[in-house]
Amino acid sequence: MANYRVGRLQQELLKEVSDILAHKVRDPRVSGVTITDVSVTGDLQHATIYYSTLDKLASEREKVAKGLSKAGGLIRRELANRLTLYKAPEITFERDSSVDYGSRIDQLINELHQKEQDK
């Protein structure tokens, strides 16, 4: 039963955090951030939010990470207002590298197709 509640909360957090980033956070550093996944502990006290960006430069990714950490308090307060929970979970943001991994695989496949066409 608890796993069902954790799953529902993860889906709800993903939806709400995406909406908060799009409409409430005015920091230009977090524009273009996509929330990819949310992981919540069993006691619902901590949430890890995974995000991705299209930036290739490490300096740009660092700016996004700083912007998200600055907006963490606003996001947690908004979540407390929107969700009916006893206590809003503490939020940590982590960059999701699966998007980069997928685009690298896609690039390698395209290179292989290009080599086959050249022969």
Protein backbone atom coordinates (compact mmCIF):
# COMPACT_ATOMS: atom_id res chain seq x y z
CA MET A 1 0.00 0.00 0.00
CA ALA A 2 2.83 2.41 0.84
CA ASN A 3 4.47 1.82 -2.55
CA TYR A 4 1.26 2.88 -4.23
CA ARG A 5 1.24 6.14 -2.29
CA VAL A 6 4.91 6.80 -3.07
CA GLY A 7 4.22 6.26 -6.77
CA ARG A 8 1.28 8.65 -6.74
CA LEU A 9 3.30 11.26 -4.90
CA GLN A 10 6.16 10.94 -7.39
CA GLN A 11 3.80 11.53 -10.31
CA GLU A 12 2.18 14.47 -8.56
CA LEU A 13 5.54 16.02 -7.68
CA LEU A 14 6.74 15.68 -11.28
CA LYS A 15 3.64 17.44 -12.57
CA GLU A 16 3.64 20.20 -9.96
CA VAL A 17 7.38 20.95 -10.06
CA SER A 18 7.24 21.21 -13.86
CA ASP A 19 4.34 23.65 -13.54
CA ILE A 20 6.09 25.68 -10.83
CA LEU A 21 9.26 25.96 -12.91
CA ALA A 22 7.27 27.07 -15.94
CA HIS A 23 5.03 29.61 -14.23
CA LYS A 24 6.39 30.70 -10.82
CA VAL A 25 10.19 30.68 -11.01
CA ARG A 26 11.43 33.80 -12.75
CA ASP A 27 15.15 32.96 -12.65
CA PRO A 28 16.49 32.93 -16.24
CA ARG A 29 19.05 30.27 -15.28
CA VAL A 30 16.32 27.63 -15.00
CA SER A 31 14.56 28.36 -18.27
CA GLY A 32 14.58 25.33 -20.51
CA VAL A 33 14.88 22.81 -17.66
CA THR A 34 12.90 19.61 -18.11
CA ILE A 35 11.97 17.46 -15.13
CA THR A 36 12.58 13.84 -16.13
CA ASP A 37 11.95 11.85 -12.95
CA VAL A 38 11.23 12.11 -9.24
CA SER A 39 12.34 9.72 -6.53
CA VAL A 40 10.77 9.86 -3.07
CA THR A 41 11.90 8.01 0.04
CA GLY A 42 9.52 5.60 1.74
CA ASP A 43 8.73 8.01 4.57
CA LEU A 44 7.91 10.79 2.04
CA GLN A 45 10.34 13.20 3.71
CA HIS A 46 12.96 13.54 0.95
CA ALA A 47 12.51 13.90 -2.80
CA THR A 48 15.21 13.78 -5.44
CA ILE A 49 14.19 15.56 -8.62
CA TYR A 50 16.07 14.65 -11.80
CA TYR A 51 16.28 17.26 -14.52
CA SER A 52 17.84 17.64 -17.94
CA THR A 53 18.88 20.57 -20.08
CA LEU A 54 19.99 20.93 -23.66
CA ASP A 55 23.11 22.87 -22.70
CA LYS A 56 26.39 21.25 -23.72
CA LEU A 57 28.74 23.55 -21.80
CA ALA A 58 29.68 22.65 -18.23
CA SER A 59 29.50 26.30 -17.18
CA GLU A 60 25.89 26.55 -18.37
CA ARG A 61 25.00 23.33 -16.54
CA GLU A 62 26.57 24.72 -13.38
CA LYS A 63 24.47 27.89 -13.70
CA VAL A 64 21.33 25.78 -14.02
CA ALA A 65 22.28 23.77 -10.92
CA LYS A 66 22.83 26.96 -8.92
CA GLY A 67 19.55 28.41 -10.15
CA LEU A 68 17.63 25.30 -9.14
CA SER A 69 19.22 25.19 -5.70
CA LYS A 70 18.29 28.86 -5.19
CA ALA A 71 14.71 28.18 -6.28
CA GLY A 72 14.42 25.11 -4.01
CA GLY A 73 12.77 27.03 -1.16
CA LEU A 74 10.17 28.60 -3.45
CA ILE A 75 9.43 25.24 -5.04
CA ARG A 76 9.04 23.52 -1.65
CA ARG A 77 6.72 26.29 -0.39
CA GLU A 78 4.58 26.06 -3.53
CA LEU A 79 4.42 22.27 -3.17
CA ALA A 80 3.27 22.66 0.44
CA ASN A 81 0.45 24.94 -0.73
CA ARG A 82 -0.61 22.70 -3.63
CA LEU A 83 -0.36 19.23 -2.08
CA THR A 84 -2.20 17.90 0.93
CA LEU A 85 0.70 16.44 2.85
CA TYR A 86 1.58 16.59 6.52
CA LYS A 87 5.03 17.87 5.63
CA ALA A 88 6.40 18.91 2.25
CA PRO A 89 9.42 16.78 1.33
CA GLU A 90 12.92 18.22 1.33
CA ILE A 91 14.04 18.63 -2.27
CA THR A 92 17.38 17.92 -3.89
CA PHE A 93 18.04 18.36 -7.59
CA GLU A 94 20.25 16.03 -9.63
CA ARG A 95 21.10 16.28 -13.29
CA ASP A 96 19.84 13.36 -15.37
CA SER A 97 22.60 12.19 -17.68
CA SER A 98 20.45 9.66 -19.55
CA VAL A 99 19.50 12.28 -22.15
CA ASP A 100 23.18 12.89 -22.94
CA TYR A 101 23.79 9.16 -23.06
CA GLY A 102 20.90 8.65 -25.48
CA SER A 103 22.03 11.44 -27.77
CA ARG A 104 25.57 10.01 -27.80
CA ILE A 105 24.23 6.59 -28.84
CA ASP A 106 22.13 8.27 -31.53
CA GLN A 107 25.21 10.10 -32.80
CA LEU A 108 27.19 6.85 -32.99
CA ILE A 109 24.41 5.10 -34.90
CA ASN A 110 24.21 7.99 -37.36
CA GLU A 111 27.98 7.81 -37.90
CA LEU A 112 27.71 4.09 -38.64
CA HIS A 113 24.92 4.70 -41.17
CA GLN A 114 27.00 7.43 -42.77
CA LYS A 115 29.99 5.09 -43.11
CA GLU A 116 27.78 2.39 -44.70
CA GLN A 117 26.43 4.89 -47.23
CA ASP A 118 29.93 6.07 -48.13
CA LYS A 119 31.04 2.54 -49.06
